[in-house]
Structures are given as structure tokens and as C-alpha cells.
N, C-alpha and C. Protein backbone atom coordinates (compact mmCIF):
# COMPACT_ATOMS: atom_id res chain seq x y z
N MET A 1 0.84 -1.18 0.00
CA MET A 1 0.00 0.00 0.00
C MET A 1 0.89 1.25 0.00
N LYS A 2 0.47 2.25 -0.73
CA LYS A 2 1.20 3.50 -0.82
C LYS A 2 0.95 4.34 0.43
N LEU A 3 2.01 4.93 0.96
CA LEU A 3 1.92 5.82 2.11
C LEU A 3 1.08 7.04 1.75
N LYS A 4 0.18 7.40 2.64
CA LYS A 4 -0.65 8.58 2.42
C LYS A 4 -0.61 9.43 3.68
N VAL A 5 -0.28 10.68 3.53
CA VAL A 5 -0.22 11.62 4.65
C VAL A 5 -1.28 12.69 4.42
N ILE A 6 -2.09 12.92 5.43
CA ILE A 6 -3.18 13.88 5.34
C ILE A 6 -3.04 14.87 6.48
N HIS A 7 -3.10 16.15 6.18
CA HIS A 7 -3.08 17.16 7.23
C HIS A 7 -4.51 17.64 7.47
N GLU A 8 -4.82 17.86 8.71
CA GLU A 8 -6.16 18.30 9.11
C GLU A 8 -6.64 19.50 8.29
N ARG A 9 -5.79 20.46 8.02
CA ARG A 9 -6.20 21.67 7.31
C ARG A 9 -6.63 21.39 5.87
N GLU A 10 -6.27 20.21 5.34
CA GLU A 10 -6.63 19.85 3.97
C GLU A 10 -8.02 19.21 3.87
N VAL A 11 -8.64 18.92 5.01
CA VAL A 11 -9.92 18.20 5.03
C VAL A 11 -11.05 19.16 5.39
N GLU A 12 -12.09 19.15 4.59
CA GLU A 12 -13.24 20.01 4.84
C GLU A 12 -14.08 19.49 6.00
N LYS A 13 -14.61 20.40 6.78
CA LYS A 13 -15.47 20.05 7.91
C LYS A 13 -16.84 19.59 7.42
N SER A 14 -17.40 18.61 8.12
CA SER A 14 -18.81 18.29 8.01
C SER A 14 -19.45 18.95 9.22
N VAL A 15 -20.44 19.80 9.01
CA VAL A 15 -21.03 20.59 10.10
C VAL A 15 -22.43 20.05 10.43
N PHE A 16 -22.66 19.84 11.73
CA PHE A 16 -23.93 19.36 12.25
C PHE A 16 -24.39 20.34 13.33
N ASN A 17 -25.62 20.19 13.81
CA ASN A 17 -26.15 21.10 14.83
C ASN A 17 -25.34 21.09 16.11
N ASP A 18 -24.82 19.94 16.51
CA ASP A 18 -24.13 19.80 17.79
C ASP A 18 -22.61 19.76 17.68
N ARG A 19 -22.06 19.67 16.46
CA ARG A 19 -20.63 19.44 16.31
C ARG A 19 -20.20 19.70 14.87
N TRP A 20 -18.88 19.69 14.68
CA TRP A 20 -18.30 19.54 13.35
C TRP A 20 -17.34 18.37 13.43
N SER A 21 -17.07 17.76 12.28
CA SER A 21 -16.12 16.64 12.25
C SER A 21 -15.36 16.66 10.93
N LYS A 22 -14.22 15.99 10.96
CA LYS A 22 -13.39 15.82 9.76
C LYS A 22 -12.94 14.37 9.71
N ASP A 23 -13.29 13.66 8.65
CA ASP A 23 -12.79 12.30 8.43
C ASP A 23 -11.41 12.42 7.78
N LEU A 24 -10.37 12.17 8.57
CA LEU A 24 -9.01 12.35 8.07
C LEU A 24 -8.53 11.17 7.24
N ILE A 25 -8.83 9.98 7.69
CA ILE A 25 -8.48 8.77 6.94
C ILE A 25 -9.78 8.01 6.73
N ALA A 26 -10.14 7.80 5.49
CA ALA A 26 -11.40 7.16 5.16
C ALA A 26 -11.23 5.65 5.06
N SER A 27 -12.30 4.92 5.36
CA SER A 27 -12.23 3.46 5.39
C SER A 27 -11.83 2.87 4.05
N HIS A 28 -12.16 3.52 2.93
CA HIS A 28 -11.79 2.96 1.63
C HIS A 28 -10.28 3.05 1.37
N ILE A 29 -9.57 3.85 2.16
CA ILE A 29 -8.12 3.96 2.00
C ILE A 29 -7.40 2.85 2.77
N ALA A 30 -7.81 2.61 4.03
CA ALA A 30 -7.03 1.73 4.89
C ALA A 30 -7.82 0.62 5.57
N GLY A 31 -9.11 0.51 5.32
CA GLY A 31 -9.90 -0.52 5.98
C GLY A 31 -10.41 -0.09 7.34
N PHE A 32 -10.08 1.10 7.76
CA PHE A 32 -10.62 1.71 8.98
C PHE A 32 -10.65 3.21 8.72
N SER A 33 -11.26 3.95 9.63
CA SER A 33 -11.27 5.40 9.45
C SER A 33 -10.84 6.09 10.75
N LEU A 34 -10.34 7.30 10.59
CA LEU A 34 -9.87 8.11 11.71
C LEU A 34 -10.30 9.54 11.46
N GLY A 35 -10.78 10.21 12.50
CA GLY A 35 -11.19 11.59 12.33
C GLY A 35 -11.14 12.35 13.64
N ILE A 36 -11.48 13.63 13.53
CA ILE A 36 -11.56 14.50 14.70
C ILE A 36 -12.93 15.16 14.70
N ALA A 37 -13.38 15.52 15.89
CA ALA A 37 -14.65 16.22 16.00
C ALA A 37 -14.59 17.20 17.16
N GLN A 38 -15.40 18.24 17.05
CA GLN A 38 -15.54 19.20 18.15
C GLN A 38 -17.03 19.37 18.42
N TYR A 39 -17.42 19.01 19.65
CA TYR A 39 -18.79 19.18 20.10
C TYR A 39 -18.90 20.54 20.78
N HIS A 40 -19.95 21.29 20.46
CA HIS A 40 -20.11 22.63 21.03
C HIS A 40 -21.47 22.84 21.68
N SER A 41 -22.38 21.90 21.53
CA SER A 41 -23.74 22.05 22.05
C SER A 41 -23.87 21.54 23.48
N ARG A 42 -24.71 22.17 24.24
CA ARG A 42 -25.02 21.72 25.60
C ARG A 42 -26.16 20.69 25.57
N GLU A 43 -26.72 20.45 24.41
CA GLU A 43 -27.78 19.45 24.24
C GLU A 43 -27.24 18.29 23.41
N PHE A 44 -27.72 17.07 23.69
CA PHE A 44 -27.34 15.93 22.87
C PHE A 44 -27.88 16.14 21.46
N GLY A 45 -27.06 15.89 20.47
CA GLY A 45 -27.49 15.95 19.09
C GLY A 45 -28.23 14.68 18.70
N THR A 46 -28.58 14.57 17.45
CA THR A 46 -29.22 13.37 16.93
C THR A 46 -28.30 12.18 17.15
N PRO A 47 -28.80 11.11 17.78
CA PRO A 47 -27.93 9.95 18.04
C PRO A 47 -27.37 9.36 16.74
N GLN A 48 -26.14 8.91 16.82
CA GLN A 48 -25.49 8.23 15.71
C GLN A 48 -25.51 6.73 15.97
N ILE A 49 -25.68 5.96 14.93
CA ILE A 49 -25.59 4.50 15.01
C ILE A 49 -24.77 4.05 13.81
N HIS A 50 -23.73 3.25 14.07
CA HIS A 50 -22.86 2.77 12.99
C HIS A 50 -22.89 1.24 12.94
N GLU A 51 -22.64 0.71 11.75
CA GLU A 51 -22.57 -0.75 11.58
C GLU A 51 -21.24 -1.30 12.07
N ASP A 52 -20.27 -0.42 12.27
CA ASP A 52 -18.95 -0.84 12.75
C ASP A 52 -18.72 -0.32 14.17
N GLN A 53 -17.67 -0.80 14.80
CA GLN A 53 -17.32 -0.33 16.14
C GLN A 53 -16.53 0.97 16.05
N GLU A 54 -16.58 1.73 17.14
CA GLU A 54 -15.90 3.02 17.16
C GLU A 54 -15.17 3.19 18.48
N ALA A 55 -14.03 3.85 18.43
CA ALA A 55 -13.32 4.26 19.63
C ALA A 55 -13.24 5.78 19.60
N VAL A 56 -13.45 6.40 20.75
CA VAL A 56 -13.40 7.86 20.87
C VAL A 56 -12.39 8.20 21.96
N TYR A 57 -11.48 9.12 21.66
CA TYR A 57 -10.50 9.59 22.65
C TYR A 57 -10.72 11.09 22.84
N VAL A 58 -10.93 11.51 24.09
CA VAL A 58 -11.18 12.91 24.40
C VAL A 58 -9.85 13.65 24.56
N ILE A 59 -9.62 14.64 23.71
CA ILE A 59 -8.40 15.44 23.75
C ILE A 59 -8.53 16.55 24.77
N SER A 60 -9.66 17.25 24.76
CA SER A 60 -9.86 18.36 25.70
C SER A 60 -11.34 18.62 25.90
N GLY A 61 -11.64 19.31 26.99
CA GLY A 61 -13.01 19.64 27.32
C GLY A 61 -13.62 18.59 28.23
N VAL A 62 -14.83 18.89 28.72
CA VAL A 62 -15.60 17.95 29.52
C VAL A 62 -17.02 17.91 28.99
N GLY A 63 -17.64 16.74 29.14
CA GLY A 63 -18.99 16.59 28.65
C GLY A 63 -19.59 15.28 29.09
N GLU A 64 -20.63 14.91 28.40
CA GLU A 64 -21.30 13.63 28.64
C GLU A 64 -21.51 12.93 27.32
N MET A 65 -21.43 11.60 27.36
CA MET A 65 -21.78 10.78 26.20
C MET A 65 -22.93 9.89 26.59
N ARG A 66 -23.91 9.83 25.70
CA ARG A 66 -25.02 8.90 25.86
C ARG A 66 -24.70 7.69 24.99
N LEU A 67 -24.58 6.54 25.65
CA LEU A 67 -24.31 5.27 24.96
C LEU A 67 -25.52 4.38 25.22
N GLY A 68 -26.39 4.24 24.23
CA GLY A 68 -27.65 3.56 24.46
C GLY A 68 -28.46 4.38 25.44
N GLU A 69 -28.84 3.79 26.56
CA GLU A 69 -29.61 4.50 27.59
C GLU A 69 -28.72 5.02 28.71
N GLU A 70 -27.43 4.71 28.68
CA GLU A 70 -26.50 5.12 29.75
C GLU A 70 -25.83 6.44 29.40
N ILE A 71 -25.69 7.32 30.39
CA ILE A 71 -24.98 8.58 30.22
C ILE A 71 -23.73 8.54 31.09
N ILE A 72 -22.56 8.81 30.46
CA ILE A 72 -21.31 8.80 31.21
C ILE A 72 -20.63 10.16 31.10
N ASN A 73 -19.94 10.57 32.15
CA ASN A 73 -19.14 11.79 32.13
C ASN A 73 -17.84 11.49 31.40
N VAL A 74 -17.42 12.42 30.54
CA VAL A 74 -16.17 12.24 29.79
C VAL A 74 -15.32 13.49 29.92
N GLY A 75 -14.01 13.31 29.82
CA GLY A 75 -13.09 14.43 29.89
C GLY A 75 -11.76 14.07 29.27
N ALA A 76 -10.88 15.03 29.18
CA ALA A 76 -9.57 14.86 28.56
C ALA A 76 -8.86 13.63 29.10
N GLY A 77 -8.29 12.85 28.20
CA GLY A 77 -7.52 11.66 28.56
C GLY A 77 -8.34 10.38 28.62
N MET A 78 -9.65 10.47 28.38
CA MET A 78 -10.50 9.27 28.45
C MET A 78 -10.70 8.68 27.06
N ALA A 79 -10.77 7.35 27.02
CA ALA A 79 -11.11 6.63 25.79
C ALA A 79 -12.43 5.90 26.02
N ILE A 80 -13.28 5.92 25.01
CA ILE A 80 -14.60 5.30 25.11
C ILE A 80 -14.77 4.34 23.94
N TYR A 81 -15.21 3.13 24.23
CA TYR A 81 -15.49 2.13 23.20
C TYR A 81 -16.99 2.15 22.91
N VAL A 82 -17.36 2.25 21.64
CA VAL A 82 -18.75 2.24 21.22
C VAL A 82 -18.96 1.01 20.33
N PRO A 83 -19.68 0.00 20.83
CA PRO A 83 -19.89 -1.21 20.02
C PRO A 83 -20.72 -0.92 18.76
N ALA A 84 -20.58 -1.76 17.77
CA ALA A 84 -21.39 -1.65 16.56
C ALA A 84 -22.87 -1.67 16.94
N GLY A 85 -23.66 -0.80 16.31
CA GLY A 85 -25.08 -0.76 16.54
C GLY A 85 -25.52 0.00 17.78
N CYS A 86 -24.58 0.55 18.56
CA CYS A 86 -24.92 1.27 19.78
C CYS A 86 -25.23 2.73 19.46
N SER A 87 -26.40 3.19 19.82
CA SER A 87 -26.79 4.58 19.65
C SER A 87 -25.93 5.44 20.57
N HIS A 88 -25.38 6.54 20.05
CA HIS A 88 -24.53 7.39 20.87
C HIS A 88 -24.59 8.85 20.44
N ALA A 89 -24.37 9.73 21.41
CA ALA A 89 -24.35 11.18 21.18
C ALA A 89 -23.51 11.79 22.30
N ALA A 90 -23.10 13.04 22.12
CA ALA A 90 -22.29 13.72 23.13
C ALA A 90 -22.77 15.15 23.29
N ARG A 91 -22.42 15.73 24.43
CA ARG A 91 -22.72 17.15 24.67
C ARG A 91 -21.66 17.73 25.61
N VAL A 92 -21.53 19.03 25.56
CA VAL A 92 -20.58 19.77 26.39
C VAL A 92 -21.22 20.08 27.74
N THR A 93 -20.45 19.94 28.82
CA THR A 93 -20.94 20.36 30.14
C THR A 93 -20.02 21.41 30.77
N GLY A 94 -18.89 21.69 30.15
CA GLY A 94 -17.96 22.69 30.67
C GLY A 94 -18.03 23.98 29.88
N ASP A 95 -17.03 24.82 30.07
CA ASP A 95 -16.98 26.12 29.41
C ASP A 95 -16.34 26.08 28.02
N GLN A 96 -15.68 24.97 27.69
CA GLN A 96 -14.97 24.84 26.41
C GLN A 96 -15.58 23.72 25.58
N PRO A 97 -15.36 23.73 24.27
CA PRO A 97 -15.83 22.62 23.43
C PRO A 97 -15.19 21.30 23.85
N LEU A 98 -15.83 20.23 23.46
CA LEU A 98 -15.33 18.87 23.69
C LEU A 98 -14.66 18.41 22.40
N ASN A 99 -13.33 18.25 22.43
CA ASN A 99 -12.56 17.86 21.25
C ASN A 99 -12.17 16.39 21.34
N VAL A 100 -12.46 15.64 20.29
CA VAL A 100 -12.21 14.20 20.31
C VAL A 100 -11.55 13.73 19.02
N VAL A 101 -10.88 12.58 19.14
CA VAL A 101 -10.40 11.81 17.99
C VAL A 101 -11.25 10.55 17.97
N TYR A 102 -11.70 10.14 16.79
CA TYR A 102 -12.50 8.92 16.69
C TYR A 102 -11.93 8.01 15.60
N ALA A 103 -12.13 6.72 15.81
CA ALA A 103 -11.69 5.73 14.83
C ALA A 103 -12.78 4.68 14.68
N HIS A 104 -13.00 4.24 13.46
CA HIS A 104 -13.98 3.19 13.15
C HIS A 104 -13.24 1.99 12.57
N ALA A 105 -13.68 0.81 12.94
CA ALA A 105 -13.12 -0.42 12.37
C ALA A 105 -14.22 -1.47 12.34
N GLY A 106 -14.11 -2.43 11.45
CA GLY A 106 -15.10 -3.49 11.37
C GLY A 106 -15.21 -4.23 12.68
N SER A 107 -16.39 -4.80 12.93
CA SER A 107 -16.62 -5.50 14.20
C SER A 107 -16.06 -6.90 14.16
């Protein structure tokens, strides 16, 4: 496989009511995907459900993630595993946005 280097500034944002995100490495390139997102809303956005599993790493900020019916507090330095098919959403509870790195891989 050919080496591919992508800089965040080269990727356009996808903007949603509760966040923006950038898919930095797409699944068609490497068999998994990697991206960044910034949550800015104090309300949970529309829940996401994926056919694959996801890992989320919180870079900065504090907030809550709804995983199915459970709500957990999240903050910088935490990693969260989201199983395939699990409904999930996030919201900010502090004064700053919640910045995360996310990765998707087949289950």
C-alpha cells in the first residue's frame, strides 16, 4: 500500500447542529477510518448508530456521552469504546468545546 499523509487543514469540515467533524483517513483507504470532532452544544445531538465499532478519545473539554440509555461523564484523557449498533451522542458540560479523535473499524 502506498503511504498517504493527510493534514487536518486539507480536510473540509462536516457541520452538524451539535458538532463539526473531519474524516481524516477514510475506510476505503485503509480498511478503517480516523477523524476528529468538536462538540459545542449543551444538548445531545441526533444519536449516531454505525454498523462498525468506534473508539473515541477525548483530547480536551468535559462533557457527557449517551451510549444507548446510559450517560457517562467524559473528559480529557479518556477513551470510550462504542460497540457496533450502539446509539450514541455527546454534549458539552464545561466552558470549552469537547474535542475528540475517533476511529472506526469493522466489528
